[in-house]
Amino acid sequence: MILEDMDRNEWVLCERVKADGLNQIYFRHSELLLRKIDSNTSGPSTCVTLPDYVADQWIAGKIRVAVR
């Protein structure tokens, strides 16, 4: 899945990890593991932790998020 950030950079969503009470992610948050679309690596290069409702909207293409 390709996600576009606020600067119009494109990211490949490698994995979404939701809080489960065992990992160290805030309740009702998700960690999105991302890789730049033009990167020559196979794995994620950065991650963003967002509230679940924001992650859902970004994945649906309704909003864009700043990735720093």
N, C-alpha and C. Protein backbone atom coordinates (compact mmCIF):
# COMPACT_ATOMS: atom_id res chain seq x y z
N MET A 1 0.84 -1.16 0.00
CA MET A 1 0.00 0.00 0.00
C MET A 1 0.89 1.24 0.00
N ILE A 2 0.53 2.22 -0.79
CA ILE A 2 1.29 3.47 -0.90
C ILE A 2 0.54 4.56 -0.14
N LEU A 3 1.26 5.30 0.72
CA LEU A 3 0.71 6.42 1.46
C LEU A 3 1.45 7.69 1.06
N GLU A 4 0.71 8.79 0.97
CA GLU A 4 1.32 10.07 0.61
C GLU A 4 1.32 10.98 1.83
N ASP A 5 2.48 11.58 2.14
CA ASP A 5 2.55 12.46 3.31
C ASP A 5 2.23 13.90 2.90
N MET A 6 2.30 14.81 3.85
CA MET A 6 1.95 16.21 3.59
C MET A 6 2.87 16.89 2.59
N ASP A 7 4.10 16.40 2.48
CA ASP A 7 5.06 16.98 1.53
C ASP A 7 4.99 16.30 0.17
N ARG A 8 3.97 15.47 -0.03
CA ARG A 8 3.74 14.73 -1.28
C ARG A 8 4.78 13.64 -1.53
N ASN A 9 5.51 13.25 -0.48
CA ASN A 9 6.41 12.09 -0.59
C ASN A 9 5.56 10.83 -0.49
N GLU A 10 5.97 9.80 -1.21
CA GLU A 10 5.23 8.55 -1.16
C GLU A 10 5.97 7.52 -0.34
N TRP A 11 5.22 6.78 0.46
CA TRP A 11 5.76 5.78 1.37
C TRP A 11 5.06 4.46 1.15
N VAL A 12 5.81 3.37 1.25
CA VAL A 12 5.23 2.03 1.23
C VAL A 12 4.94 1.64 2.67
N LEU A 13 3.72 1.23 2.94
CA LEU A 13 3.37 0.75 4.27
C LEU A 13 3.82 -0.70 4.37
N CYS A 14 4.90 -0.93 5.10
CA CYS A 14 5.44 -2.28 5.26
C CYS A 14 4.63 -3.10 6.26
N GLU A 15 4.23 -2.45 7.35
CA GLU A 15 3.49 -3.17 8.39
C GLU A 15 2.80 -2.16 9.30
N ARG A 16 1.66 -2.56 9.82
CA ARG A 16 0.96 -1.77 10.84
C ARG A 16 0.89 -2.62 12.09
N VAL A 17 1.41 -2.09 13.19
CA VAL A 17 1.39 -2.80 14.47
C VAL A 17 0.47 -2.03 15.41
N LYS A 18 -0.60 -2.68 15.84
CA LYS A 18 -1.56 -2.05 16.75
C LYS A 18 -1.20 -2.39 18.20
N ALA A 19 -1.59 -1.49 19.09
CA ALA A 19 -1.37 -1.73 20.52
C ALA A 19 -2.17 -2.97 20.94
N ASP A 20 -1.52 -3.83 21.71
CA ASP A 20 -2.19 -5.04 22.16
C ASP A 20 -2.07 -5.27 23.66
N GLY A 21 -1.53 -4.31 24.36
CA GLY A 21 -1.35 -4.46 25.80
C GLY A 21 -0.04 -5.11 26.18
N LEU A 22 0.59 -5.80 25.23
CA LEU A 22 1.87 -6.45 25.49
C LEU A 22 3.03 -5.64 24.91
N ASN A 23 2.82 -5.03 23.75
CA ASN A 23 3.88 -4.20 23.18
C ASN A 23 3.84 -2.81 23.82
N GLN A 24 4.82 -2.02 23.55
CA GLN A 24 4.93 -0.71 24.21
C GLN A 24 4.39 0.40 23.33
N ILE A 25 3.22 0.17 22.77
CA ILE A 25 2.53 1.17 21.96
C ILE A 25 1.35 1.67 22.78
N TYR A 26 1.12 2.99 22.75
CA TYR A 26 0.00 3.56 23.50
C TYR A 26 -1.32 2.90 23.13
N PHE A 27 -2.21 2.79 24.11
CA PHE A 27 -3.55 2.25 23.90
C PHE A 27 -4.25 3.04 22.80
N ARG A 28 -4.90 2.35 21.89
CA ARG A 28 -5.63 2.93 20.75
C ARG A 28 -4.71 3.67 19.78
N HIS A 29 -3.47 3.23 19.67
CA HIS A 29 -2.51 3.78 18.72
C HIS A 29 -1.95 2.65 17.86
N SER A 30 -1.40 3.03 16.73
CA SER A 30 -0.74 2.09 15.82
C SER A 30 0.62 2.63 15.44
N GLU A 31 1.55 1.73 15.23
CA GLU A 31 2.87 2.10 14.72
C GLU A 31 2.92 1.66 13.26
N LEU A 32 3.15 2.61 12.37
CA LEU A 32 3.23 2.31 10.94
C LEU A 32 4.69 2.26 10.53
N LEU A 33 5.13 1.12 10.03
CA LEU A 33 6.50 0.94 9.56
C LEU A 33 6.52 1.28 8.08
N LEU A 34 7.31 2.29 7.72
CA LEU A 34 7.29 2.86 6.37
C LEU A 34 8.64 2.77 5.68
N ARG A 35 8.58 2.70 4.35
CA ARG A 35 9.77 2.74 3.51
C ARG A 35 9.50 3.72 2.38
N LYS A 36 10.46 4.62 2.13
CA LYS A 36 10.32 5.57 1.01
C LYS A 36 10.14 4.79 -0.29
N ILE A 37 9.27 5.26 -1.14
CA ILE A 37 8.96 4.54 -2.38
C ILE A 37 10.18 4.43 -3.29
N ASP A 38 11.06 5.43 -3.27
CA ASP A 38 12.24 5.40 -4.15
C ASP A 38 13.47 4.81 -3.46
N SER A 39 13.28 4.24 -2.28
CA SER A 39 14.38 3.63 -1.53
C SER A 39 14.75 2.29 -2.14
N ASN A 40 16.02 1.96 -2.09
CA ASN A 40 16.45 0.67 -2.64
C ASN A 40 16.60 -0.40 -1.56
N THR A 41 16.07 -0.14 -0.36
CA THR A 41 16.09 -1.13 0.70
C THR A 41 14.78 -1.92 0.67
N SER A 42 14.79 -3.10 1.23
CA SER A 42 13.59 -3.93 1.21
C SER A 42 12.73 -3.77 2.47
N GLY A 43 13.34 -3.29 3.54
CA GLY A 43 12.60 -3.17 4.80
C GLY A 43 12.24 -1.74 5.12
N PRO A 44 11.55 -1.54 6.22
CA PRO A 44 11.14 -0.19 6.62
C PRO A 44 12.34 0.67 6.98
N SER A 45 12.22 1.97 6.72
CA SER A 45 13.30 2.90 7.04
C SER A 45 12.90 3.87 8.14
N THR A 46 11.61 3.97 8.43
CA THR A 46 11.14 4.85 9.49
C THR A 46 9.81 4.33 10.01
N CYS A 47 9.40 4.85 11.15
CA CYS A 47 8.09 4.48 11.67
C CYS A 47 7.42 5.71 12.27
N VAL A 48 6.11 5.66 12.27
CA VAL A 48 5.29 6.75 12.80
C VAL A 48 4.26 6.13 13.71
N THR A 49 4.10 6.67 14.91
CA THR A 49 3.06 6.20 15.83
C THR A 49 1.94 7.21 15.82
N LEU A 50 0.74 6.73 15.51
CA LEU A 50 -0.43 7.60 15.37
C LEU A 50 -1.62 7.00 16.11
N PRO A 51 -2.58 7.85 16.51
CA PRO A 51 -3.83 7.30 17.03
C PRO A 51 -4.49 6.45 15.93
N ASP A 52 -5.20 5.42 16.32
CA ASP A 52 -5.81 4.51 15.35
C ASP A 52 -6.72 5.22 14.35
N TYR A 53 -7.51 6.20 14.82
CA TYR A 53 -8.43 6.87 13.91
C TYR A 53 -7.68 7.69 12.85
N VAL A 54 -6.52 8.24 13.20
CA VAL A 54 -5.71 8.99 12.23
C VAL A 54 -5.07 8.01 11.24
N ALA A 55 -4.53 6.92 11.74
CA ALA A 55 -3.94 5.90 10.86
C ALA A 55 -4.98 5.35 9.89
N ASP A 56 -6.19 5.09 10.38
CA ASP A 56 -7.26 4.59 9.51
C ASP A 56 -7.58 5.58 8.40
N GLN A 57 -7.67 6.87 8.74
CA GLN A 57 -7.98 7.89 7.73
C GLN A 57 -6.87 8.05 6.72
N TRP A 58 -5.61 7.96 7.17
CA TRP A 58 -4.48 8.09 6.25
C TRP A 58 -4.44 6.90 5.29
N ILE A 59 -4.64 5.71 5.81
CA ILE A 59 -4.64 4.51 4.98
C ILE A 59 -5.80 4.56 3.97
N ALA A 60 -6.92 5.13 4.37
CA ALA A 60 -8.08 5.26 3.48
C ALA A 60 -7.89 6.36 2.43
N GLY A 61 -6.83 7.18 2.58
CA GLY A 61 -6.57 8.26 1.63
C GLY A 61 -7.36 9.52 1.89
N LYS A 62 -7.96 9.64 3.06
CA LYS A 62 -8.78 10.82 3.39
C LYS A 62 -7.94 12.00 3.88
N ILE A 63 -6.80 11.72 4.49
CA ILE A 63 -5.92 12.76 5.01
C ILE A 63 -4.48 12.44 4.64
N ARG A 64 -3.60 13.41 4.85
CA ARG A 64 -2.16 13.18 4.73
C ARG A 64 -1.53 13.54 6.05
N VAL A 65 -0.43 12.90 6.39
CA VAL A 65 0.24 13.05 7.67
C VAL A 65 1.66 13.54 7.44
N ALA A 66 2.16 14.38 8.35
CA ALA A 66 3.56 14.83 8.27
C ALA A 66 4.47 13.72 8.78
N VAL A 67 5.43 13.33 7.97
CA VAL A 67 6.43 12.33 8.37
C VAL A 67 7.74 13.05 8.51
N ARG A 68 8.29 13.08 9.69
CA ARG A 68 9.55 13.80 9.94
C ARG A 68 10.60 12.84 10.42
